[in-house]
Amino acid sequence: MEILLVLIILAVAILLYATEWLRMDLVSMLLLVTLATTGLVSVEEAFSGFSNPAVITVVAMFVLSAAIANTGLSGRFGEKLLSLGGGNEVRMIFVLMIGVAISSAFVNNIGATAVLMPVVVNMARKMRISPSKLLIPLAFGSLFGGLCTLIGTPPNILMSELLFEYTGESFRFFDFGPVGVTLTGIGILYMALIGHRLIPTRKSGVLTEAYQVKEYITEVEILPESPLDGKTISGSSLEKDLGLKVRAILRNRKKIPFPRRNRKIYCGDILFLEGNPEGILKIMQSRGLSLIPERDNPTSRPPDEELVVVEASLTPRSSIVGQTLRELRFNDAYGLTVLAIWRQGAPVVKKVDHVILRFGDVLLLQGTEKRIMTLGKSQDFLLLGGVPPVSFQPHRAPFALGVMALVVLLAALGTFPIILTATAGALILVLFGFLTPKQAYGSIDWKVILLIAGTLPLGTALERSGAARLLADGMVDLIGPFGPFFMLSALFLVTMLLTAVISNAATAVLLAPIAYNIALDMAVSPKPFFLAIAMAASACFLTPISHQSNALVMGPGGYKFIDYARVGAPLSLAIWLAGSLLIPLLFPF
């Protein structure tokens, strides 16, 4: 009975993770409460995930990464690195992926992507290519970097800690290196030689470059004195003079999508106009037209301050995801007007105040430079232009880098466990003012922490109830006769496919007890199986939802969901085959 109950809870959890009907952290908390109330784990065990060494280590690494980014070191490193690209797209991809992989091997890969993304967008503008050609390589490079060290990504830390719980043995700091570096080399070669050809050229970039700028949709109302009143769409000045297309008309609360060009427009009509920011800004000077977001959210400013327009992407830690601008009272809170929204490679055809915001959305914002600069310091937004990057601090950066190097060295030598060195390093940087306590708390991705802490009890329930043994026996019966090599390859593949739809950390936690029981059944070492799961969980290239680095570049790159599968499927196949062959050679059964 317990086995059936655990399997039902597991199936429901995977369904909720995959569909995102609820946020992943909420699903994990529901898991925790359900397992405790059903008696599958004790109350103490249900909440033990919050004190798990892996969770605490992940928290410390978020703070360390943010402190280093605060010195401007990552941005300066990115600028110097990209200057080596020499204006050649293939060379730029090669250099970019090596650089971000090195960075994300030691700092949070999402943070590395976020810091370098504005630099990459600016470099693409200078090279006169679409940023879409460089942003997927940036995201994939950050994922590869995570494969190379113990602290590179949460699944590595988790699998090391779970291996210790099961066997008393853990992975050393650079145990991941030989496999990770080899797979990284394969991935970089693939992207530089083949993958970049599969990346589409999407409309994306910075506002000052019309040839690659996004087209947004904004709303305007036809005023009584408008010269457009009673004219047809084709006879109006909208397309000819302003370069704007009418995507829909809202008339007496009835929406008319994709109206014909001979349809007349009248006073009181609300038009959904598609065009680039330059055309949208011209509306403000047009007689007889009222920009709805500007009218509904008037931006107050001193008369001598000029308004500017920038793009801002919502970050993984954004607190405004899941809410509308109306609910947020966005203009009152930030002093900025949202003119339009861009999502998953297309403009949003909907009243901006009513759009439920999602991670990866790009907002077209208007406001004073001072307000924009303030927004750039927020954890909720990543500005894609219009503000200077974090300035490099040469007198502070070496100290922060030295603390990180000491954390790595002491952990690699085995002098102290990584949980202690990482926590001490984070504390030192906060005490020395590299981050304020508030900034330190804000740098932690609490969704990831809750996700890991909430799923760890499910791993315990799978093991204790016998469900993990049942699933392991099934896999052994099916694949076991072919030997441990094929079993490892099967686990690698299952992990990659699960990671495409649910969190990589959750995937690692769920498969660990199954892998351990498989190793017991086959009388082999579980270590290569655990390493395979760690590697496969971070090799998530198939979907934008498989990892936050992928989702982070989706809006700014103008990508569609299918773009990731087109580029990532051949890469995933190559990584699966290489990993399946390489891991048993370096970590024998």
Protein backbone atom coordinates (compact mmCIF):
# COMPACT_ATOMS: atom_id res chain seq x y z
CA MET A 1 0.00 0.00 0.00
CA GLU A 2 2.82 2.42 0.88
CA ILE A 3 4.54 1.69 -2.43
CA LEU A 4 1.38 2.50 -4.38
CA LEU A 5 0.85 5.73 -2.42
CA VAL A 6 4.44 6.88 -3.01
CA LEU A 7 4.21 6.07 -6.73
CA ILE A 8 0.95 8.04 -7.01
CA ILE A 9 2.54 11.02 -5.23
CA LEU A 10 5.59 10.72 -7.52
CA ALA A 11 3.42 10.64 -10.66
CA VAL A 12 1.38 13.67 -9.54
CA ALA A 13 4.56 15.58 -8.66
CA ILE A 14 6.11 14.92 -12.08
CA LEU A 15 2.85 15.98 -13.77
CA LEU A 16 2.74 19.25 -11.80
CA TYR A 17 6.41 19.94 -12.42
CA ALA A 18 6.04 19.29 -16.16
CA THR A 19 2.83 21.29 -16.70
CA GLU A 20 3.75 24.18 -14.36
CA TRP A 21 0.11 24.49 -13.29
CA LEU A 22 1.68 25.46 -9.98
CA ARG A 23 5.08 26.98 -9.34
CA MET A 24 7.80 24.38 -8.79
CA ASP A 25 8.62 25.60 -5.30
CA LEU A 26 4.95 25.37 -4.31
CA VAL A 27 4.77 21.83 -5.68
CA SER A 28 7.80 20.91 -3.57
CA MET A 29 6.21 22.35 -0.42
CA LEU A 30 3.00 20.43 -1.18
CA LEU A 31 5.13 17.30 -1.53
CA LEU A 32 6.74 17.92 1.84
CA VAL A 33 3.41 18.41 3.62
CA THR A 34 1.76 15.45 1.85
CA LEU A 35 4.56 13.05 2.74
CA ALA A 36 4.45 14.13 6.39
CA THR A 37 0.64 14.00 6.74
CA THR A 38 0.42 10.57 5.12
CA GLY A 39 3.08 9.25 7.48
CA LEU A 40 5.45 8.22 4.70
CA VAL A 41 8.13 10.25 6.45
CA SER A 42 8.23 11.75 9.92
CA VAL A 43 7.70 15.46 10.45
CA GLU A 44 11.39 15.83 11.32
CA GLU A 45 12.41 14.03 8.11
CA ALA A 46 9.99 16.11 6.04
CA PHE A 47 11.72 19.33 7.09
CA SER A 48 15.24 17.93 7.29
CA GLY A 49 15.94 19.10 3.75
CA PHE A 50 16.37 22.68 5.00
CA SER A 51 19.34 21.59 7.10
CA ASN A 52 20.77 19.29 4.46
CA PRO A 53 24.46 20.13 3.73
CA ALA A 54 23.74 20.25 -0.02
CA VAL A 55 21.04 22.90 0.45
CA ILE A 56 23.25 25.04 2.71
CA THR A 57 26.13 24.76 0.24
CA VAL A 58 23.90 25.90 -2.63
CA VAL A 59 22.79 28.91 -0.54
CA ALA A 60 26.42 29.85 0.18
CA MET A 61 27.34 29.56 -3.51
CA PHE A 62 24.55 31.96 -4.50
CA VAL A 63 25.99 34.55 -2.09
CA LEU A 64 29.60 33.99 -3.21
CA SER A 65 28.63 34.35 -6.86
CA ALA A 66 26.70 37.57 -6.22
CA ALA A 67 29.60 39.09 -4.27
CA ILE A 68 32.03 38.43 -7.12
CA ALA A 69 29.56 39.85 -9.66
CA ASN A 70 29.21 42.95 -7.46
CA THR A 71 32.88 43.79 -7.99
CA GLY A 72 32.32 44.02 -11.77
CA LEU A 73 34.85 41.22 -12.27
CA SER A 74 32.52 39.00 -14.29
CA GLY A 75 31.50 41.82 -16.61
CA ARG A 76 35.11 42.92 -17.17
CA PHE A 77 36.12 39.32 -17.79
CA GLY A 78 33.32 39.02 -20.37
CA GLU A 79 34.31 42.23 -22.14
CA LYS A 80 37.98 41.22 -22.38
CA LEU A 81 37.01 37.74 -23.51
CA LEU A 82 34.64 38.85 -26.26
CA SER A 83 37.22 41.29 -27.58
CA LEU A 84 39.21 38.20 -28.58
CA GLY A 85 36.42 37.15 -30.91
CA GLY A 86 37.65 39.55 -33.54
CA GLY A 87 34.22 40.15 -35.08
CA ASN A 88 33.96 36.62 -36.45
CA GLU A 89 30.77 34.80 -35.44
CA VAL A 90 32.26 31.30 -35.15
CA ARG A 91 35.32 32.56 -33.26
CA MET A 92 33.03 34.61 -31.03
CA ILE A 93 30.94 31.54 -30.15
CA PHE A 94 34.08 29.54 -29.43
CA VAL A 95 35.58 32.20 -27.14
CA LEU A 96 32.24 33.03 -25.49
CA MET A 97 31.45 29.43 -24.56
CA ILE A 98 34.93 28.78 -23.18
CA GLY A 99 34.76 31.94 -21.08
CA VAL A 100 31.30 31.40 -19.63
CA ALA A 101 32.11 27.72 -18.98
CA ILE A 102 35.20 28.70 -16.95
CA SER A 103 33.16 31.27 -15.03
CA SER A 104 30.18 29.01 -14.28
CA ALA A 105 32.44 26.17 -13.12
CA PHE A 106 33.05 28.23 -9.97
CA VAL A 107 30.14 30.69 -9.73
CA ASN A 108 26.41 30.23 -10.21
CA ASN A 109 25.72 29.52 -13.90
CA ILE A 110 22.51 31.57 -13.93
CA GLY A 111 24.43 34.53 -12.51
CA ALA A 112 27.19 34.09 -15.08
CA THR A 113 24.61 34.13 -17.88
CA ALA A 114 22.85 37.20 -16.47
CA VAL A 115 26.07 39.21 -16.08
CA LEU A 116 27.37 38.41 -19.56
CA MET A 117 24.07 38.73 -21.43
CA PRO A 118 24.06 42.55 -21.78
CA VAL A 119 27.74 42.38 -22.84
CA VAL A 120 26.88 39.79 -25.50
CA VAL A 121 23.90 41.81 -26.78
CA ASN A 122 26.11 44.89 -27.10
CA MET A 123 28.82 42.90 -28.90
CA ALA A 124 26.21 41.54 -31.33
CA ARG A 125 25.14 45.10 -32.10
CA LYS A 126 28.73 46.06 -32.90
CA MET A 127 29.12 42.97 -35.11
CA ARG A 128 25.78 43.78 -36.81
CA ILE A 129 24.38 40.30 -36.20
CA SER A 130 21.28 39.23 -34.33
CA PRO A 131 21.95 38.50 -30.64
CA SER A 132 19.98 35.28 -31.14
CA LYS A 133 23.11 33.86 -32.77
CA LEU A 134 25.07 34.28 -29.53
CA LEU A 135 22.62 33.94 -26.65
CA ILE A 136 21.87 30.20 -26.93
CA PRO A 137 25.66 29.48 -27.05
CA LEU A 138 25.98 31.69 -23.93
CA ALA A 139 23.31 29.70 -22.06
CA PHE A 140 24.62 26.31 -23.19
CA GLY A 141 28.19 27.31 -22.29
CA SER A 142 27.09 28.15 -18.75
CA LEU A 143 25.47 24.70 -18.43
CA PHE A 144 28.66 22.98 -19.61
CA GLY A 145 30.71 24.89 -17.05
CA GLY A 146 28.52 23.48 -14.31
CA LEU A 147 29.57 19.96 -15.28
CA CYS A 148 33.20 20.51 -14.39
CA THR A 149 33.33 20.99 -10.60
CA LEU A 150 31.52 19.96 -7.44
CA ILE A 151 30.10 23.48 -6.94
CA GLY A 152 29.32 24.07 -10.63
CA THR A 153 25.61 23.30 -10.31
CA PRO A 154 23.18 22.13 -7.57
CA PRO A 155 22.76 18.56 -8.96
CA ASN A 156 26.51 17.96 -8.51
CA ILE A 157 26.34 19.01 -4.86
CA LEU A 158 23.17 17.00 -4.33
CA MET A 159 24.48 13.79 -5.86
CA SER A 160 27.68 14.03 -3.84
CA GLU A 161 25.73 14.45 -0.61
CA LEU A 162 23.26 11.66 -1.46
CA LEU A 163 26.12 9.34 -2.39
CA PHE A 164 27.63 10.04 1.04
CA GLU A 165 24.30 9.28 2.76
CA TYR A 166 24.00 5.93 0.95
CA THR A 167 27.62 4.76 0.92
CA GLY A 168 29.70 6.99 3.19
CA GLU A 169 31.72 8.06 0.13
CA SER A 170 31.38 11.40 -1.67
CA PHE A 171 32.71 13.06 -4.80
CA ARG A 172 35.84 15.17 -4.43
CA PHE A 173 35.92 18.72 -5.78
CA PHE A 174 37.47 17.93 -9.16
CA ASP A 175 36.09 14.38 -9.64
CA PHE A 176 33.68 15.88 -12.16
CA GLY A 177 36.50 17.55 -14.09
CA PRO A 178 37.71 14.86 -16.54
CA VAL A 179 34.21 13.99 -17.73
CA GLY A 180 32.90 17.56 -17.53
CA VAL A 181 35.78 19.14 -19.42
CA THR A 182 35.57 16.48 -22.16
CA LEU A 183 31.83 16.95 -22.60
CA THR A 184 32.33 20.74 -22.57
CA GLY A 185 34.90 20.43 -25.37
CA ILE A 186 32.47 18.32 -27.43
CA GLY A 187 29.68 20.84 -26.83
CA ILE A 188 31.78 23.85 -27.81
CA LEU A 189 33.01 22.18 -30.99
CA TYR A 190 29.45 21.22 -31.90
CA MET A 191 28.11 24.74 -31.38
CA ALA A 192 30.99 26.40 -33.23
CA LEU A 193 30.91 24.05 -36.21
CA ILE A 194 27.29 22.85 -36.49
CA GLY A 195 24.99 24.23 -33.82
CA HIS A 196 25.29 27.90 -34.76
CA ARG A 197 23.97 27.07 -38.24
CA LEU A 198 20.79 25.71 -36.65
CA ILE A 199 20.14 28.85 -34.60
CA PRO A 200 17.60 31.07 -36.38
CA THR A 201 18.14 34.79 -36.85
CA ARG A 202 15.44 36.33 -34.70
CA LYS A 203 14.39 39.94 -34.35
CA SER A 204 16.20 40.92 -31.20
CA GLY A 205 18.72 43.38 -29.94
CA VAL A 206 19.11 46.84 -28.54
CA LEU A 207 16.77 49.72 -29.18
CA THR A 208 19.20 51.93 -31.04
CA GLU A 209 19.66 49.49 -33.90
CA ALA A 210 16.55 49.40 -36.08
CA TYR A 211 17.80 46.51 -38.24
CA GLN A 212 17.60 44.05 -35.36
CA VAL A 213 15.11 45.63 -32.98
CA LYS A 214 12.10 43.76 -31.64
CA GLU A 215 8.64 44.68 -32.82
CA TYR A 216 6.32 45.37 -29.90
CA ILE A 217 2.57 45.78 -29.66
CA THR A 218 1.14 48.75 -27.80
CA GLU A 219 -2.31 50.28 -27.44
CA VAL A 220 -3.54 53.68 -28.65
CA GLU A 221 -6.95 55.32 -28.58
CA ILE A 222 -8.40 57.41 -31.43
CA LEU A 223 -9.33 60.78 -29.89
CA PRO A 224 -12.33 62.91 -31.04
CA GLU A 225 -10.11 65.47 -32.81
CA SER A 226 -8.05 62.82 -34.59
CA PRO A 227 -7.61 63.21 -38.36
CA LEU A 228 -7.80 59.40 -38.52
CA ASP A 229 -11.45 59.34 -37.41
CA GLY A 230 -13.48 57.71 -40.17
CA LYS A 231 -10.49 56.75 -42.33
CA THR A 232 -9.60 53.25 -43.44
CA ILE A 233 -6.52 51.56 -42.08
CA SER A 234 -4.82 51.76 -45.48
CA GLY A 235 -5.77 55.44 -45.80
CA SER A 236 -4.38 56.36 -42.38
CA SER A 237 -0.85 57.51 -41.63
CA LEU A 238 -0.19 54.65 -39.23
CA GLU A 239 1.63 52.35 -41.61
CA LYS A 240 2.99 54.91 -44.08
CA ASP A 241 4.30 57.56 -41.66
CA LEU A 242 4.78 55.66 -38.41
CA GLY A 243 5.63 52.18 -39.73
CA LEU A 244 2.97 50.56 -37.52
CA LYS A 245 0.60 47.71 -38.35
CA VAL A 246 -2.88 47.37 -36.85
CA ARG A 247 -3.02 43.91 -35.28
CA ALA A 248 -6.43 44.30 -33.61
CA ILE A 249 -9.18 46.82 -32.87
CA LEU A 250 -11.10 47.04 -29.60
CA ARG A 251 -14.48 48.69 -30.25
CA ASN A 252 -17.25 48.80 -27.65
CA ARG A 253 -15.54 45.98 -25.71
CA LYS A 254 -15.53 43.79 -28.84
CA LYS A 255 -12.14 42.78 -30.21
CA ILE A 256 -11.61 42.61 -33.97
CA PRO A 257 -8.38 40.66 -34.64
CA PHE A 258 -6.34 41.12 -37.83
CA PRO A 259 -8.70 43.70 -39.41
CA ARG A 260 -8.68 44.16 -43.18
CA ARG A 261 -6.87 47.22 -44.51
CA ASN A 262 -10.13 48.66 -45.88
CA ARG A 263 -11.81 48.65 -42.46
CA LYS A 264 -12.55 52.12 -41.10
CA ILE A 265 -11.42 53.29 -37.69
CA TYR A 266 -13.40 55.68 -35.53
CA CYS A 267 -13.15 57.94 -32.52
CA GLY A 268 -13.01 55.83 -29.33
CA ASP A 269 -11.47 52.79 -31.01
CA ILE A 270 -8.48 51.27 -29.24
CA LEU A 271 -5.90 49.99 -31.70
CA PHE A 272 -3.26 47.35 -30.97
CA LEU A 273 -0.32 48.56 -33.05
CA GLU A 274 2.76 46.51 -33.90
CA GLY A 275 6.06 48.19 -34.61
CA ASN A 276 9.51 48.98 -33.32
CA PRO A 277 10.08 51.36 -30.40
CA GLU A 278 10.91 54.27 -32.71
CA GLY A 279 7.47 54.03 -34.29
CA ILE A 280 5.80 53.64 -30.90
CA LEU A 281 7.56 56.77 -29.60
CA LYS A 282 6.33 58.76 -32.63
CA ILE A 283 2.75 58.15 -31.44
CA MET A 284 3.44 60.46 -28.52
CA GLN A 285 3.91 63.37 -30.93
CA SER A 286 0.96 62.41 -33.16
CA ARG A 287 -2.14 64.58 -32.95
CA GLY A 288 -5.35 62.76 -32.14
CA LEU A 289 -3.76 59.59 -30.75
CA SER A 290 -3.42 58.69 -27.07
CA LEU A 291 -0.93 56.05 -25.96
CA ILE A 292 -2.93 53.94 -23.48
CA PRO A 293 -0.08 52.89 -21.16
CA GLU A 294 1.17 56.47 -21.07
CA ARG A 295 -2.33 57.81 -20.39
CA ASP A 296 -3.18 55.23 -17.72
CA ASN A 297 0.23 55.45 -16.05
CA PRO A 298 1.50 59.02 -16.38
CA THR A 299 5.19 59.13 -15.51
CA SER A 300 5.94 62.08 -13.27
CA ARG A 301 9.31 63.72 -13.78
CA PRO A 302 11.01 67.07 -13.30
CA PRO A 303 10.63 69.23 -16.43
CA ASP A 304 14.37 69.20 -17.14
CA GLU A 305 14.68 65.39 -17.18
CA GLU A 306 14.38 63.64 -20.53
CA LEU A 307 12.49 60.37 -20.89
CA VAL A 308 14.40 57.35 -22.20
CA VAL A 309 13.23 53.94 -23.40
CA VAL A 310 14.94 50.64 -22.53
CA GLU A 311 14.26 46.93 -22.54
CA ALA A 312 14.29 44.89 -19.31
CA SER A 313 14.00 41.13 -18.91
CA LEU A 314 12.45 39.47 -15.86
CA THR A 315 15.05 37.46 -13.94
CA PRO A 316 14.70 33.97 -12.40
CA ARG A 317 14.44 35.55 -8.94
CA SER A 318 11.89 38.17 -9.97
CA SER A 319 9.20 38.63 -7.33
CA ILE A 320 6.70 40.05 -9.81
CA VAL A 321 6.33 36.87 -11.91
CA GLY A 322 2.74 35.62 -11.82
CA GLN A 323 1.25 39.09 -11.27
CA THR A 324 -0.15 41.73 -13.58
CA LEU A 325 1.08 45.32 -13.85
CA ARG A 326 -2.26 46.48 -12.51
CA GLU A 327 -1.91 44.31 -9.41
CA LEU A 328 1.63 45.55 -8.90
CA ARG A 329 0.73 49.23 -9.40
CA PHE A 330 3.90 49.18 -11.46
CA ASN A 331 4.04 52.87 -12.26
CA ASP A 332 3.59 53.88 -8.63
CA ALA A 333 6.20 51.37 -7.45
CA TYR A 334 8.90 52.04 -10.07
CA GLY A 335 7.99 55.40 -11.63
CA LEU A 336 8.19 53.81 -15.09
CA THR A 337 5.68 53.12 -17.85
CA VAL A 338 5.47 49.71 -19.53
CA LEU A 339 4.79 50.47 -23.19
CA ALA A 340 4.68 46.88 -24.44
CA ILE A 341 5.69 43.28 -23.67
CA TRP A 342 7.65 40.73 -25.71
CA ARG A 343 7.30 37.00 -24.94
CA GLN A 344 8.75 33.83 -26.50
CA GLY A 345 9.74 35.38 -29.79
CA ALA A 346 6.62 37.47 -30.34
CA PRO A 347 4.91 40.64 -29.06
CA VAL A 348 1.97 40.20 -26.69
CA VAL A 349 -1.36 41.24 -28.26
CA LYS A 350 -3.18 42.14 -25.06
CA LYS A 351 -3.70 45.12 -22.78
CA VAL A 352 -0.38 45.36 -20.97
CA ASP A 353 -2.00 45.98 -17.57
CA HIS A 354 -3.82 42.63 -17.82
CA VAL A 355 -0.89 40.44 -18.86
CA ILE A 356 0.25 37.93 -16.22
CA LEU A 357 4.02 38.32 -16.22
CA ARG A 358 6.28 35.33 -16.78
CA PHE A 359 9.96 34.67 -16.25
CA GLY A 360 11.83 35.67 -19.43
CA ASP A 361 9.35 38.36 -20.52
CA VAL A 362 10.96 41.48 -21.96
CA LEU A 363 9.30 44.79 -21.07
CA LEU A 364 9.65 47.95 -23.13
CA LEU A 365 9.98 50.64 -20.45
CA GLN A 366 9.82 54.42 -20.56
CA GLY A 367 11.02 56.71 -17.79
CA THR A 368 13.75 59.00 -16.58
CA GLU A 369 17.36 57.85 -16.63
CA LYS A 370 17.49 58.04 -12.83
CA ARG A 371 14.51 55.70 -12.51
CA ILE A 372 16.00 53.31 -15.07
CA MET A 373 19.29 53.24 -13.17
CA THR A 374 17.42 52.42 -9.95
CA LEU A 375 15.56 49.60 -11.68
CA GLY A 376 18.87 48.17 -12.87
CA LYS A 377 19.86 47.53 -9.25
CA SER A 378 16.72 45.49 -8.61
CA GLN A 379 16.84 41.69 -8.35
CA ASP A 380 13.65 41.56 -10.46
CA PHE A 381 15.03 42.95 -13.73
CA LEU A 382 17.98 42.60 -16.06
CA LEU A 383 18.42 45.70 -18.21
CA LEU A 384 19.44 44.97 -21.79
CA GLY A 385 20.67 48.44 -22.64
CA GLY A 386 20.53 52.06 -21.61
CA VAL A 387 22.64 51.75 -18.46
CA PRO A 388 26.34 51.08 -17.88
CA PRO A 389 27.31 47.68 -16.45
CA VAL A 390 28.56 47.26 -12.88
CA SER A 391 31.83 49.17 -12.80
CA PHE A 392 34.99 47.15 -12.29
CA GLN A 393 36.53 47.61 -8.84
CA PRO A 394 40.24 46.70 -9.20
CA HIS A 395 40.95 47.33 -5.51
CA ARG A 396 38.20 44.90 -4.35
CA ALA A 397 37.95 42.28 -7.07
CA PRO A 398 41.26 40.51 -6.22
CA PHE A 399 40.18 40.03 -2.61
CA ALA A 400 36.81 38.50 -3.64
CA LEU A 401 38.56 36.29 -6.17
CA GLY A 402 41.09 35.26 -3.52
CA VAL A 403 38.32 34.25 -1.12
CA MET A 404 36.71 32.11 -3.83
CA ALA A 405 40.09 30.54 -4.66
CA LEU A 406 40.63 29.72 -0.98
CA VAL A 407 37.15 28.15 -0.77
CA VAL A 408 37.97 25.95 -3.77
CA LEU A 409 41.49 25.07 -2.60
CA LEU A 410 40.51 24.02 0.94
CA ALA A 411 37.61 21.97 -0.38
CA ALA A 412 39.72 20.36 -3.14
CA LEU A 413 42.47 19.40 -0.69
CA GLY A 414 39.91 17.93 1.68
CA THR A 415 41.06 20.19 4.50
CA PHE A 416 37.47 21.20 5.24
CA PRO A 417 34.15 20.08 3.73
CA ILE A 418 32.70 22.31 1.01
CA ILE A 419 29.71 23.27 3.18
CA LEU A 420 32.09 24.87 5.69
CA THR A 421 34.44 26.59 3.23
CA ALA A 422 31.59 27.96 1.08
CA THR A 423 29.66 29.27 4.10
CA ALA A 424 32.79 30.84 5.59
CA GLY A 425 33.68 32.45 2.26
CA ALA A 426 30.18 33.92 1.87
CA LEU A 427 30.28 35.26 5.42
CA ILE A 428 33.69 36.88 4.93
CA LEU A 429 32.55 38.73 1.79
CA VAL A 430 29.41 40.00 3.53
CA LEU A 431 31.40 41.12 6.59
CA PHE A 432 33.86 42.99 4.35
CA GLY A 433 31.02 44.84 2.61
CA PHE A 434 31.03 43.14 -0.79
CA LEU A 435 27.31 42.57 -0.23
CA THR A 436 24.94 44.02 2.34
CA PRO A 437 22.95 41.44 4.31
CA LYS A 438 19.87 42.50 2.33
CA GLN A 439 21.71 41.97 -0.97
CA ALA A 440 22.98 38.60 0.26
CA TYR A 441 19.46 37.40 1.02
CA GLY A 442 18.26 38.82 -2.29
CA SER A 443 20.98 36.96 -4.22
CA ILE A 444 19.65 33.58 -3.11
CA ASP A 445 17.23 31.90 -5.49
CA TRP A 446 14.78 30.79 -2.82
CA LYS A 447 12.66 28.94 -5.37
CA VAL A 448 15.58 26.59 -6.01
CA ILE A 449 16.21 26.17 -2.28
CA LEU A 450 12.56 25.33 -1.57
CA LEU A 451 12.50 23.03 -4.58
CA ILE A 452 15.49 21.00 -3.34
CA ALA A 453 14.44 20.96 0.32
CA GLY A 454 10.91 19.91 -0.61
CA THR A 455 11.89 17.06 -2.93
CA LEU A 456 14.55 15.48 -0.67
CA PRO A 457 11.88 13.84 1.56
CA LEU A 458 10.36 12.22 -1.53
CA GLY A 459 13.68 10.50 -2.15
CA THR A 460 13.55 9.23 1.43
CA ALA A 461 9.98 7.98 0.93
CA LEU A 462 10.92 6.22 -2.31
CA GLU A 463 13.73 4.40 -0.54
CA ARG A 464 11.90 3.52 2.69
CA SER A 465 8.62 2.39 1.14
CA GLY A 466 10.33 0.04 -1.29
CA ALA A 467 9.16 2.02 -4.33
CA ALA A 468 12.76 2.74 -5.35
CA ARG A 469 13.52 -1.00 -5.07
CA LEU A 470 10.47 -1.83 -7.21
CA LEU A 471 11.46 0.65 -9.95
CA ALA A 472 15.08 -0.49 -9.78
CA ASP A 473 14.07 -4.16 -10.10
CA GLY A 474 12.01 -3.27 -13.16
CA MET A 475 14.95 -1.54 -14.83
CA VAL A 476 17.31 -4.37 -13.92
CA ASP A 477 14.91 -6.96 -15.36
CA LEU A 478 14.62 -4.93 -18.56
CA ILE A 479 18.19 -3.71 -19.11
CA GLY A 480 20.29 -5.63 -16.57
CA PRO A 481 21.03 -8.61 -18.87
CA PHE A 482 22.95 -6.23 -21.17
CA GLY A 483 25.33 -5.22 -18.37
CA PRO A 484 26.12 -2.10 -16.29
CA PHE A 485 27.35 -0.10 -19.31
CA PHE A 486 23.89 -0.19 -20.88
CA MET A 487 22.25 0.44 -17.51
CA LEU A 488 24.34 3.58 -17.01
CA SER A 489 23.47 4.73 -20.52
CA ALA A 490 19.77 4.17 -19.81
CA LEU A 491 19.95 6.19 -16.58
CA PHE A 492 21.79 8.97 -18.42
CA LEU A 493 19.05 9.09 -21.08
CA VAL A 494 16.15 8.95 -18.60
CA THR A 495 17.72 11.79 -16.60
CA MET A 496 18.14 13.97 -19.70
CA LEU A 497 14.55 13.43 -20.77
CA LEU A 498 13.14 14.11 -17.29
CA THR A 499 15.26 17.25 -16.96
CA ALA A 500 13.69 18.58 -20.16
CA VAL A 501 10.36 18.93 -18.37
CA ILE A 502 11.13 19.19 -14.64
CA SER A 503 13.89 20.79 -12.57
CA ASN A 504 17.34 19.25 -12.82
CA ALA A 505 17.67 19.27 -9.03
CA ALA A 506 14.33 17.48 -8.61
CA THR A 507 15.34 14.93 -11.25
CA ALA A 508 18.58 14.18 -9.42
CA VAL A 509 16.82 13.72 -6.08
CA LEU A 510 14.16 11.40 -7.54
CA LEU A 511 16.57 9.16 -9.45
CA ALA A 512 19.27 8.83 -6.76
CA PRO A 513 17.51 6.15 -4.67
CA ILE A 514 16.60 4.21 -7.82
CA ALA A 515 20.21 4.32 -9.04
CA TYR A 516 21.46 3.13 -5.66
CA ASN A 517 19.10 0.15 -5.65
CA ILE A 518 20.09 -0.70 -9.22
CA ALA A 519 23.74 -0.76 -8.14
CA LEU A 520 22.86 -3.10 -5.25
CA ASP A 521 20.91 -5.43 -7.55
CA MET A 522 23.76 -5.57 -10.05
CA ALA A 523 26.46 -5.78 -7.32
CA VAL A 524 28.41 -2.82 -8.78
CA SER A 525 29.58 0.54 -7.47
CA PRO A 526 26.83 3.22 -7.43
CA LYS A 527 29.41 5.99 -7.99
CA PRO A 528 29.38 5.93 -11.83
CA PHE A 529 25.56 5.85 -11.81
CA PHE A 530 25.42 8.89 -9.51
CA LEU A 531 27.95 10.74 -11.66
CA ALA A 532 25.93 9.96 -14.79
CA ILE A 533 22.77 11.38 -13.21
CA ALA A 534 24.62 14.53 -12.10
CA MET A 535 26.03 15.09 -15.59
CA ALA A 536 22.77 14.34 -17.42
CA ALA A 537 20.72 16.52 -15.04
CA SER A 538 22.84 19.54 -15.97
CA ALA A 539 23.06 18.73 -19.69
CA CYS A 540 19.63 20.23 -20.34
CA PHE A 541 19.53 21.64 -23.86
CA LEU A 542 16.15 20.50 -25.19
CA THR A 543 13.72 23.09 -23.80
CA PRO A 544 13.81 26.62 -22.38
CA ILE A 545 12.11 25.39 -19.18
CA SER A 546 14.76 22.75 -18.47
CA HIS A 547 17.12 25.31 -16.91
CA GLN A 548 16.88 28.96 -15.89
CA SER A 549 19.87 29.92 -18.05
CA ASN A 550 17.93 28.70 -21.10
CA ALA A 551 14.81 30.60 -20.06
CA LEU A 552 16.79 33.75 -19.26
CA VAL A 553 17.96 34.20 -22.87
CA MET A 554 14.62 33.27 -24.45
CA GLY A 555 13.03 36.73 -24.40
CA PRO A 556 16.13 38.80 -25.25
CA GLY A 557 17.04 36.30 -27.99
CA GLY A 558 13.54 36.28 -29.44
CA TYR A 559 13.60 32.47 -29.39
CA LYS A 560 10.66 30.13 -29.80
CA PHE A 561 10.24 26.89 -27.87
CA ILE A 562 11.19 24.77 -30.89
CA ASP A 563 14.50 26.59 -31.36
CA TYR A 564 15.97 24.86 -28.32
CA ALA A 565 14.98 21.39 -29.55
CA ARG A 566 16.38 22.12 -33.03
CA VAL A 567 19.77 23.11 -31.66
CA GLY A 568 19.78 20.97 -28.52
CA ALA A 569 18.62 17.56 -29.81
CA PRO A 570 21.80 16.70 -31.78
CA LEU A 571 23.88 18.12 -28.94
CA SER A 572 22.02 16.02 -26.36
CA LEU A 573 22.55 12.92 -28.48
CA ALA A 574 26.30 13.57 -28.69
CA ILE A 575 26.57 14.25 -24.93
CA TRP A 576 24.56 11.11 -24.12
CA LEU A 577 26.79 8.88 -26.23
CA ALA A 578 30.03 10.48 -25.04
CA GLY A 579 29.02 10.45 -21.39
CA SER A 580 27.84 6.83 -21.54
CA LEU A 581 31.23 5.76 -22.92
CA LEU A 582 33.46 8.03 -20.86
CA ILE A 583 32.08 7.70 -17.32
CA PRO A 584 32.65 3.91 -16.96
CA LEU A 585 36.21 4.32 -18.24
CA LEU A 586 37.10 6.90 -15.58
CA PHE A 587 34.90 5.50 -12.80
CA PRO A 588 34.87 1.70 -13.17
CA PHE A 589 31.97 -0.34 -11.87
